[in-house]
PDB file of all heavy atoms in Angstrom:
ATOM      1  N   ASP A   1     109.989  86.986 129.286  1.00  0.00           N
ATOM      2  CA  ASP A   1     109.685  88.525 129.358  1.00  0.00           C
ATOM      3  C   ASP A   1     110.711  89.353 128.862  1.00  0.00           C
ATOM      4  O   ASP A   1     110.911  90.518 129.311  1.00  0.00           O
ATOM      5  CB  ASP A   1     109.313  88.828 130.878  1.00  0.00           C
ATOM      6  CG  ASP A   1     108.742  90.101 131.061  1.00  0.00           C
ATOM      7  OD1 ASP A   1     107.909  90.473 130.152  1.00  0.00           O
ATOM      8  OD2 ASP A   1     109.105  90.773 132.048  1.00  0.00           O
ATOM      9  N   VAL A   2     111.478  88.854 127.897  1.00  0.00           N
ATOM     10  CA  VAL A   2     112.578  89.665 127.209  1.00  0.00           C
ATOM     11  C   VAL A   2     112.095  89.792 125.789  1.00  0.00           C
ATOM     12  O   VAL A   2     111.819  88.856 125.026  1.00  0.00           O
ATOM     13  CB  VAL A   2     114.043  88.986 127.379  1.00  0.00           C
ATOM     14  CG1 VAL A   2     115.043  89.844 126.646  1.00  0.00           C
ATOM     15  CG2 VAL A   2     114.395  88.783 128.812  1.00  0.00           C
ATOM     16  N   TYR A   3     112.295  91.126 125.355  1.00  0.00           N
ATOM     17  CA  TYR A   3     111.831  91.448 124.028  1.00  0.00           C
ATOM     18  C   TYR A   3     112.979  92.279 123.215  1.00  0.00           C
ATOM     19  O   TYR A   3     113.698  92.977 123.812  1.00  0.00           O
ATOM     20  CB  TYR A   3     110.564  92.368 124.045  1.00  0.00           C
ATOM     21  CG  TYR A   3     109.449  91.497 124.599  1.00  0.00           C
ATOM     22  CD1 TYR A   3     109.244  91.368 125.978  1.00  0.00           C
ATOM     23  CD2 TYR A   3     108.410  91.149 123.722  1.00  0.00           C
ATOM     24  CE1 TYR A   3     108.116  90.719 126.477  1.00  0.00           C
ATOM     25  CE2 TYR A   3     107.291  90.376 124.166  1.00  0.00           C
ATOM     26  CZ  TYR A   3     107.204  90.289 125.631  1.00  0.00           C
ATOM     27  OH  TYR A   3     106.149  89.413 126.153  1.00  0.00           O
ATOM     28  N   LEU A   4     112.986  91.993 122.039  1.00  0.00           N
ATOM     29  CA  LEU A   4     113.908  92.807 121.181  1.00  0.00           C
ATOM     30  C   LEU A   4     113.142  93.673 120.242  1.00  0.00           C
ATOM     31  O   LEU A   4     112.098  93.187 119.670  1.00  0.00           O
ATOM     32  CB  LEU A   4     114.778  91.963 120.181  1.00  0.00           C
ATOM     33  CG  LEU A   4     116.067  91.392 120.808  1.00  0.00           C
ATOM     34  CD1 LEU A   4     115.797  90.399 121.847  1.00  0.00           C
ATOM     35  CD2 LEU A   4     116.984  90.784 119.728  1.00  0.00           C
ATOM     36  N   GLU A   5     113.539  94.980 120.061  1.00  0.00           N
ATOM     37  CA  GLU A   5     112.816  95.940 119.122  1.00  0.00           C
ATOM     38  C   GLU A   5     113.905  96.666 118.321  1.00  0.00           C
ATOM     39  O   GLU A   5     114.804  97.149 118.879  1.00  0.00           O
ATOM     40  CB  GLU A   5     112.067  96.949 120.039  1.00  0.00           C
ATOM     41  CG  GLU A   5     111.328  97.956 119.308  1.00  0.00           C
ATOM     42  CD  GLU A   5     109.927  97.418 118.792  1.00  0.00           C
ATOM     43  OE1 GLU A   5     109.406  96.441 119.288  1.00  0.00           O
ATOM     44  OE2 GLU A   5     109.415  98.099 117.828  1.00  0.00           O
ATOM     45  N   LEU A   6     113.633  96.635 117.062  1.00  0.00           N
ATOM     46  CA  LEU A   6     114.503  97.425 116.141  1.00  0.00           C
ATOM     47  C   LEU A   6     114.223  98.797 116.230  1.00  0.00           C
ATOM     48  O   LEU A   6     113.048  99.196 116.029  1.00  0.00           O
ATOM     49  CB  LEU A   6     114.350  96.991 114.678  1.00  0.00           C
ATOM     50  CG  LEU A   6     114.791  95.564 114.292  1.00  0.00           C
ATOM     51  CD1 LEU A   6     114.379  95.328 112.800  1.00  0.00           C
ATOM     52  CD2 LEU A   6     116.298  95.387 114.326  1.00  0.00           C
ATOM     53  N   PHE A   7     115.268  99.546 116.585  1.00  0.00           N
ATOM     54  CA  PHE A   7     115.000 101.027 116.858  1.00  0.00           C
ATOM     55  C   PHE A   7     115.562 101.928 115.693  1.00  0.00           C
ATOM     56  O   PHE A   7     114.843 103.000 115.459  1.00  0.00           O
ATOM     57  CB  PHE A   7     115.670 101.436 118.132  1.00  0.00           C
ATOM     58  CG  PHE A   7     114.718 101.645 119.384  1.00  0.00           C
ATOM     59  CD1 PHE A   7     113.617 100.795 119.368  1.00  0.00           C
ATOM     60  CD2 PHE A   7     115.003 102.523 120.207  1.00  0.00           C
ATOM     61  CE1 PHE A   7     112.743 100.924 120.511  1.00  0.00           C
ATOM     62  CE2 PHE A   7     114.030 102.656 121.339  1.00  0.00           C
ATOM     63  CZ  PHE A   7     112.831 101.882 121.456  1.00  0.00           C
ATOM     64  N   TYR A   8     116.501 101.633 115.071  1.00  0.00           N
ATOM     65  CA  TYR A   8     117.066 102.604 114.133  1.00  0.00           C
ATOM     66  C   TYR A   8     118.018 101.773 113.139  1.00  0.00           C
ATOM     67  O   TYR A   8     118.775 100.911 113.559  1.00  0.00           O
ATOM     68  CB  TYR A   8     117.802 103.595 114.937  1.00  0.00           C
ATOM     69  CG  TYR A   8     118.542 104.798 114.232  1.00  0.00           C
ATOM     70  CD1 TYR A   8     117.739 105.690 113.585  1.00  0.00           C
ATOM     71  CD2 TYR A   8     119.859 104.808 113.964  1.00  0.00           C
ATOM     72  CE1 TYR A   8     118.319 106.669 112.865  1.00  0.00           C
ATOM     73  CE2 TYR A   8     120.453 105.695 113.210  1.00  0.00           C
ATOM     74  CZ  TYR A   8     119.679 106.841 112.662  1.00  0.00           C
ATOM     75  OH  TYR A   8     120.185 107.831 111.917  1.00  0.00           O
ATOM     76  N   ARG A   9     117.924 102.187 111.844  1.00  0.00           N
ATOM     77  CA  ARG A   9     118.863 101.631 110.895  1.00  0.00           C
ATOM     78  C   ARG A   9     119.706 102.684 110.305  1.00  0.00           C
ATOM     79  O   ARG A   9     119.164 103.756 109.866  1.00  0.00           O
ATOM     80  CB  ARG A   9     118.153 100.899 109.741  1.00  0.00           C
ATOM     81  CG  ARG A   9     117.410  99.649 110.122  1.00  0.00           C
ATOM     82  CD  ARG A   9     116.568  99.184 109.005  1.00  0.00           C
ATOM     83  NE  ARG A   9     115.779  98.015 109.370  1.00  0.00           N
ATOM     84  CZ  ARG A   9     115.913  96.785 108.817  1.00  0.00           C
ATOM     85  NH1 ARG A   9     116.848  96.603 107.856  1.00  0.00           N
ATOM     86  NH2 ARG A   9     115.162  95.843 109.251  1.00  0.00           N
ATOM     87  N   SER A  10     120.959 102.528 110.109  1.00  0.00           N
ATOM     88  CA  SER A  10     121.833 103.526 109.444  1.00  0.00           C
ATOM     89  C   SER A  10     123.033 102.785 108.842  1.00  0.00           C
ATOM     90  O   SER A  10     123.899 102.148 109.630  1.00  0.00           O
ATOM     91  CB  SER A  10     122.144 104.542 110.516  1.00  0.00           C
ATOM     92  OG  SER A  10     123.170 105.396 109.997  1.00  0.00           O
ATOM     93  N   GLU A  11     123.251 102.926 107.567  1.00  0.00           N
ATOM     94  CA  GLU A  11     124.427 102.481 106.885  1.00  0.00           C
ATOM     95  C   GLU A  11     125.026 101.108 107.404  1.00  0.00           C
ATOM     96  O   GLU A  11     126.216 101.009 107.996  1.00  0.00           O
ATOM     97  CB  GLU A  11     125.514 103.614 106.972  1.00  0.00           C
ATOM     98  CG  GLU A  11     125.232 104.848 106.463  1.00  0.00           C
ATOM     99  CD  GLU A  11     126.158 106.011 106.631  1.00  0.00           C
ATOM    100  OE1 GLU A  11     127.416 105.661 106.971  1.00  0.00           O
ATOM    101  OE2 GLU A  11     125.723 107.148 106.702  1.00  0.00           O
ATOM    102  N   GLY A  12     124.208 100.111 107.292  1.00  0.00           N
ATOM    103  CA  GLY A  12     124.726  98.731 107.534  1.00  0.00           C
ATOM    104  C   GLY A  12     124.680  98.336 109.121  1.00  0.00           C
ATOM    105  O   GLY A  12     125.133  97.419 109.582  1.00  0.00           O
ATOM    106  N   ARG A  13     124.095  99.347 109.914  1.00  0.00           N
ATOM    107  CA  ARG A  13     124.146  99.056 111.324  1.00  0.00           C
ATOM    108  C   ARG A  13     122.693  99.226 111.773  1.00  0.00           C
ATOM    109  O   ARG A  13     121.912 100.174 111.226  1.00  0.00           O
ATOM    110  CB  ARG A  13     124.998 100.008 112.104  1.00  0.00           C
ATOM    111  CG  ARG A  13     126.465  99.803 111.740  1.00  0.00           C
ATOM    112  CD  ARG A  13     127.376 100.572 112.602  1.00  0.00           C
ATOM    113  NE  ARG A  13     127.601 100.112 113.891  1.00  0.00           N
ATOM    114  CZ  ARG A  13     128.199  98.916 114.332  1.00  0.00           C
ATOM    115  NH1 ARG A  13     128.718  98.249 113.431  1.00  0.00           N
ATOM    116  NH2 ARG A  13     128.330  98.606 115.564  1.00  0.00           N
ATOM    117  N   VAL A  14     122.266  98.587 112.791  1.00  0.00           N
ATOM    118  CA  VAL A  14     120.995  98.839 113.463  1.00  0.00           C
ATOM    119  C   VAL A  14     121.166  99.020 114.908  1.00  0.00           C
ATOM    120  O   VAL A  14     122.127  98.434 115.536  1.00  0.00           O
ATOM    121  CB  VAL A  14     119.993  97.648 113.191  1.00  0.00           C
ATOM    122  CG1 VAL A  14     119.668  97.554 111.696  1.00  0.00           C
ATOM    123  CG2 VAL A  14     120.431  96.291 113.680  1.00  0.00           C
ATOM    124  N   LEU A  15     120.220  99.756 115.564  1.00  0.00           N
ATOM    125  CA  LEU A  15     120.218  99.896 117.021  1.00  0.00           C
ATOM    126  C   LEU A  15     119.012  98.924 117.459  1.00  0.00           C
ATOM    127  O   LEU A  15     117.925  99.216 117.026  1.00  0.00           O
ATOM    128  CB  LEU A  15     119.969 101.312 117.248  1.00  0.00           C
ATOM    129  CG  LEU A  15     120.132 101.786 118.765  1.00  0.00           C
ATOM    130  CD1 LEU A  15     121.520 101.570 119.268  1.00  0.00           C
ATOM    131  CD2 LEU A  15     119.892 103.183 118.908  1.00  0.00           C
ATOM    132  N   ILE A  16     119.318  98.110 118.397  1.00  0.00           N
ATOM    133  CA  ILE A  16     118.332  97.180 118.848  1.00  0.00           C
ATOM    134  C   ILE A  16     118.163  97.418 120.367  1.00  0.00           C
ATOM    135  O   ILE A  16     119.138  97.630 121.155  1.00  0.00           O
ATOM    136  CB  ILE A  16     118.786  95.624 118.628  1.00  0.00           C
ATOM    137  CG1 ILE A  16     118.901  95.416 117.145  1.00  0.00           C
ATOM    138  CG2 ILE A  16     117.818  94.691 119.281  1.00  0.00           C
ATOM    139  CD1 ILE A  16     119.420  94.024 116.642  1.00  0.00           C
ATOM    140  N   TYR A  17     116.932  97.471 120.739  1.00  0.00           N
ATOM    141  CA  TYR A  17     116.550  97.644 122.219  1.00  0.00           C
ATOM    142  C   TYR A  17     116.073  96.389 122.733  1.00  0.00           C
ATOM    143  O   TYR A  17     115.258  95.691 122.143  1.00  0.00           O
ATOM    144  CB  TYR A  17     115.332  98.830 122.188  1.00  0.00           C
ATOM    145  CG  TYR A  17     114.828  99.020 123.526  1.00  0.00           C
ATOM    146  CD1 TYR A  17     115.552  99.385 124.655  1.00  0.00           C
ATOM    147  CD2 TYR A  17     113.430  99.008 123.700  1.00  0.00           C
ATOM    148  CE1 TYR A  17     115.077  99.575 125.900  1.00  0.00           C
ATOM    149  CE2 TYR A  17     112.883  99.250 125.001  1.00  0.00           C
ATOM    150  CZ  TYR A  17     113.626  99.591 125.992  1.00  0.00           C
ATOM    151  OH  TYR A  17     113.106  99.876 127.248  1.00  0.00           O
ATOM    152  N   VAL A  18     116.759  95.997 123.841  1.00  0.00           N
ATOM    153  CA  VAL A  18     116.338  94.801 124.524  1.00  0.00           C
ATOM    154  C   VAL A  18     115.753  95.197 125.891  1.00  0.00           C
ATOM    155  O   VAL A  18     116.267  96.033 126.576  1.00  0.00           O
ATOM    156  CB  VAL A  18     117.573  93.846 124.738  1.00  0.00           C
ATOM    157  CG1 VAL A  18     117.126  92.559 125.447  1.00  0.00           C
ATOM    158  CG2 VAL A  18     118.277  93.542 123.495  1.00  0.00           C
ATOM    159  N   TYR A  19     114.572  94.646 126.259  1.00  0.00           N
ATOM    160  CA  TYR A  19     113.916  95.130 127.468  1.00  0.00           C
ATOM    161  C   TYR A  19     113.069  93.943 128.019  1.00  0.00           C
ATOM    162  O   TYR A  19     112.685  92.999 127.302  1.00  0.00           O
ATOM    163  CB  TYR A  19     113.086  96.338 127.198  1.00  0.00           C
ATOM    164  CG  TYR A  19     111.901  96.055 126.240  1.00  0.00           C
ATOM    165  CD1 TYR A  19     110.608  95.791 126.806  1.00  0.00           C
ATOM    166  CD2 TYR A  19     112.093  95.989 124.893  1.00  0.00           C
ATOM    167  CE1 TYR A  19     109.613  95.615 125.909  1.00  0.00           C
ATOM    168  CE2 TYR A  19     111.123  95.888 123.952  1.00  0.00           C
ATOM    169  CZ  TYR A  19     109.800  95.608 124.493  1.00  0.00           C
ATOM    170  OH  TYR A  19     108.763  95.362 123.753  1.00  0.00           O
ATOM    171  N   ARG A  20     112.840  94.016 129.325  1.00  0.00           N
ATOM    172  CA  ARG A  20     111.736  93.231 129.994  1.00  0.00           C
ATOM    173  C   ARG A  20     110.530  94.021 129.901  1.00  0.00           C
ATOM    174  O   ARG A  20     110.511  95.030 130.639  1.00  0.00           O
ATOM    175  CB  ARG A  20     112.207  92.846 131.358  1.00  0.00           C
ATOM    176  CG  ARG A  20     113.321  91.856 131.372  1.00  0.00           C
ATOM    177  CD  ARG A  20     113.653  91.367 132.902  1.00  0.00           C
ATOM    178  NE  ARG A  20     114.722  90.470 132.771  1.00  0.00           N
ATOM    179  CZ  ARG A  20     114.718  89.147 132.486  1.00  0.00           C
ATOM    180  NH1 ARG A  20     113.566  88.584 132.122  1.00  0.00           N
ATOM    181  NH2 ARG A  20     115.796  88.396 132.578  1.00  0.00           N
ATOM    182  N   LYS A  21     109.501  93.549 129.391  1.00  0.00           N
ATOM    183  CA  LYS A  21     108.260  94.188 129.219  1.00  0.00           C
ATOM    184  C   LYS A  21     107.691  94.650 130.488  1.00  0.00           C
ATOM    185  O   LYS A  21     107.174  95.687 130.789  1.00  0.00           O
ATOM    186  CB  LYS A  21     107.226  93.448 128.408  1.00  0.00           C
ATOM    187  CG  LYS A  21     105.973  94.259 127.948  1.00  0.00           C
ATOM    188  CD  LYS A  21     105.191  93.464 126.982  1.00  0.00           C
ATOM    189  CE  LYS A  21     104.133  94.300 126.333  1.00  0.00           C
ATOM    190  NZ  LYS A  21     103.367  93.553 125.392  1.00  0.00           N
ATOM    191  N   SER A  22     107.610  93.683 131.439  1.00  0.00           N
ATOM    192  CA  SER A  22     106.944  93.936 132.868  1.00  0.00           C
ATOM    193  C   SER A  22     107.728  95.105 133.451  1.00  0.00           C
ATOM    194  O   SER A  22     107.167  95.972 134.128  1.00  0.00           O
ATOM    195  CB  SER A  22     107.033  92.712 133.674  1.00  0.00           C
ATOM    196  OG  SER A  22     108.282  92.267 133.884  1.00  0.00           O
ATOM    197  N   ARG A  23     109.026  95.084 133.488  1.00  0.00           N
ATOM    198  CA  ARG A  23     109.804  96.153 134.101  1.00  0.00           C
ATOM    199  C   ARG A  23     109.692  97.406 133.527  1.00  0.00           C
ATOM    200  O   ARG A  23     109.633  98.534 134.059  1.00  0.00           O
ATOM    201  CB  ARG A  23     111.255  95.634 134.228  1.00  0.00           C
ATOM    202  CG  ARG A  23     111.535  94.640 135.277  1.00  0.00           C
ATOM    203  CD  ARG A  23     112.968  94.324 135.407  1.00  0.00           C
ATOM    204  NE  ARG A  23     113.091  93.062 136.266  1.00  0.00           N
ATOM    205  CZ  ARG A  23     114.276  92.577 136.540  1.00  0.00           C
ATOM    206  NH1 ARG A  23     115.367  92.975 136.008  1.00  0.00           N
ATOM    207  NH2 ARG A  23     114.339  91.450 137.258  1.00  0.00           N
ATOM    208  N   LEU A  24     109.741  97.389 132.163  1.00  0.00           N
ATOM    209  CA  LEU A  24     109.543  98.708 131.324  1.00  0.00           C
ATOM    210  C   LEU A  24     108.123  99.278 131.659  1.00  0.00           C
ATOM    211  O   LEU A  24     108.094 100.565 131.957  1.00  0.00           O
ATOM    212  CB  LEU A  24     109.693  98.474 129.914  1.00  0.00           C
ATOM    213  CG  LEU A  24     109.443  99.676 128.945  1.00  0.00           C
ATOM    214  CD1 LEU A  24     110.355 100.782 129.295  1.00  0.00           C
ATOM    215  CD2 LEU A  24     109.416  99.326 127.552  1.00  0.00           C
ATOM    216  N   LEU A  25     107.044  98.498 131.738  1.00  0.00           N
ATOM    217  CA  LEU A  25     105.783  99.015 132.024  1.00  0.00           C
ATOM    218  C   LEU A  25     105.807  99.595 133.474  1.00  0.00           C
ATOM    219  O   LEU A  25     105.263 100.728 133.687  1.00  0.00           O
ATOM    220  CB  LEU A  25     104.743  97.986 131.908  1.00  0.00           C
ATOM    221  CG  LEU A  25     104.395  97.594 130.428  1.00  0.00           C
ATOM    222  CD1 LEU A  25     103.551  96.265 130.414  1.00  0.00           C
ATOM    223  CD2 LEU A  25     103.709  98.722 129.689  1.00  0.00           C
ATOM    224  N   ARG A  26     106.377  98.901 134.342  1.00  0.00           N
ATOM    225  CA  ARG A  26     106.477  99.430 135.822  1.00  0.00           C
ATOM    226  C   ARG A  26     107.113 100.714 135.839  1.00  0.00           C
ATOM    227  O   ARG A  26     106.712 101.727 136.361  1.00  0.00           O
ATOM    228  CB  ARG A  26     107.240  98.350 136.589  1.00  0.00           C
ATOM    229  CG  ARG A  26     107.464  98.804 138.070  1.00  0.00           C
ATOM    230  CD  ARG A  26     108.588  98.058 138.758  1.00  0.00           C
ATOM    231  NE  ARG A  26     109.829  98.442 138.094  1.00  0.00           N
ATOM    232  CZ  ARG A  26     110.987  97.786 138.158  1.00  0.00           C
ATOM    233  NH1 ARG A  26     111.018  96.670 138.985  1.00  0.00           N
ATOM    234  NH2 ARG A  26     112.034  98.201 137.682  1.00  0.00           N
ATOM    235  N   ASP A  27     108.337 100.903 135.115  1.00  0.00           N
ATOM    236  CA  ASP A  27     109.049 102.160 135.142  1.00  0.00           C
ATOM    237  C   ASP A  27     108.295 103.284 134.435  1.00  0.00           C
ATOM    238  O   ASP A  27     108.298 104.375 135.012  1.00  0.00           O
ATOM    239  CB  ASP A  27     110.436 101.897 134.380  1.00  0.00           C
ATOM    240  CG  ASP A  27     111.374 100.983 135.095  1.00  0.00           C
ATOM    241  OD1 ASP A  27     111.167 100.812 136.305  1.00  0.00           O
ATOM    242  OD2 ASP A  27     112.387 100.651 134.431  1.00  0.00           O
ATOM    243  N   LEU A  28     107.627 102.910 133.332  1.00  0.00           N
ATOM    244  CA  LEU A  28     106.947 104.053 132.595  1.00  0.00           C
ATOM    245  C   LEU A  28     105.671 104.427 133.261  1.00  0.00           C
ATOM    246  O   LEU A  28     105.167 105.618 133.135  1.00  0.00           O
ATOM    247  CB  LEU A  28     106.602 103.626 131.148  1.00  0.00           C
ATOM    248  CG  LEU A  28     107.852 103.387 130.331  1.00  0.00           C
ATOM    249  CD1 LEU A  28     107.335 102.951 128.868  1.00  0.00           C
ATOM    250  CD2 LEU A  28     108.910 104.450 130.221  1.00  0.00           C
ATOM    251  N   LEU A  29     105.021 103.592 134.114  1.00  0.00           N
ATOM    252  CA  LEU A  29     103.823 103.945 134.799  1.00  0.00           C
ATOM    253  C   LEU A  29     103.935 104.466 136.111  1.00  0.00           C
ATOM    254  O   LEU A  29     102.975 104.791 136.808  1.00  0.00           O
ATOM    255  CB  LEU A  29     102.976 102.629 134.830  1.00  0.00           C
ATOM    256  CG  LEU A  29     102.414 102.189 133.482  1.00  0.00           C
ATOM    257  CD1 LEU A  29     101.710 100.827 133.606  1.00  0.00           C
ATOM    258  CD2 LEU A  29     101.381 102.977 132.968  1.00  0.00           C
ATOM    259  N   ARG A  30     105.180 104.703 136.574  1.00  0.00           N
ATOM    260  CA  ARG A  30     105.402 105.341 137.878  1.00  0.00           C
ATOM    261  C   ARG A  30     104.862 106.853 137.637  1.00  0.00           C
ATOM    262  O   ARG A  30     105.045 107.418 136.613  1.00  0.00           O
ATOM    263  CB  ARG A  30     106.786 105.388 138.234  1.00  0.00           C
ATOM    264  CG  ARG A  30     107.380 104.010 138.750  1.00  0.00           C
ATOM    265  CD  ARG A  30     108.720 104.131 139.281  1.00  0.00           C
ATOM    266  NE  ARG A  30     109.056 102.869 139.944  1.00  0.00           N
ATOM    267  CZ  ARG A  30     110.159 102.119 139.673  1.00  0.00           C
ATOM    268  NH1 ARG A  30     111.042 102.649 138.828  1.00  0.00           N
ATOM    269  NH2 ARG A  30     110.344 101.001 140.240  1.00  0.00           N
ATOM    270  N   PRO A  31     104.070 107.233 138.648  1.00  0.00           N
ATOM    271  CA  PRO A  31     103.382 108.591 138.439  1.00  0.00           C
ATOM    272  C   PRO A  31     104.316 109.672 137.929  1.00  0.00           C
ATOM    273  O   PRO A  31     103.932 110.418 137.009  1.00  0.00           O
ATOM    274  CB  PRO A  31     102.867 108.861 139.809  1.00  0.00           C
ATOM    275  CG  PRO A  31     102.642 107.542 140.351  1.00  0.00           C
ATOM    276  CD  PRO A  31     103.846 106.623 139.899  1.00  0.00           C
ATOM    277  N   LYS A  32     105.440 109.900 138.538  1.00  0.00           N
ATOM    278  CA  LYS A  32     106.362 111.037 138.150  1.00  0.00           C
ATOM    279  C   LYS A  32     106.939 110.813 136.707  1.00  0.00           C
ATOM    280  O   LYS A  32     106.970 111.765 135.940  1.00  0.00           O
ATOM    281  CB  LYS A  32     107.499 111.234 139.145  1.00  0.00           C
ATOM    282  CG  LYS A  32     107.062 111.831 140.453  1.00  0.00           C
ATOM    283  CD  LYS A  32     108.204 111.920 141.441  1.00  0.00           C
ATOM    284  CE  LYS A  32     107.773 112.481 142.779  1.00  0.00           C
ATOM    285  NZ  LYS A  32     108.898 112.580 143.739  1.00  0.00           N
ATOM    286  N   ALA A  33     107.331 109.594 136.452  1.00  0.00           N
ATOM    287  CA  ALA A  33     107.871 109.246 135.098  1.00  0.00           C
ATOM    288  C   ALA A  33     106.777 109.343 134.115  1.00  0.00           C
ATOM    289  O   ALA A  33     106.926 109.938 132.963  1.00  0.00           O
ATOM    290  CB  ALA A  33     108.402 107.804 135.097  1.00  0.00           C
TER     291      ALA A  33
END
């Protein structure tokens, strides 16, 4: 349940996002969020 996602590329560097999909969905689906 761990995923990597390329977020941004700039001058020889990349920003990589690592997340647990189940936890991300839980966080984003909270009513106030």
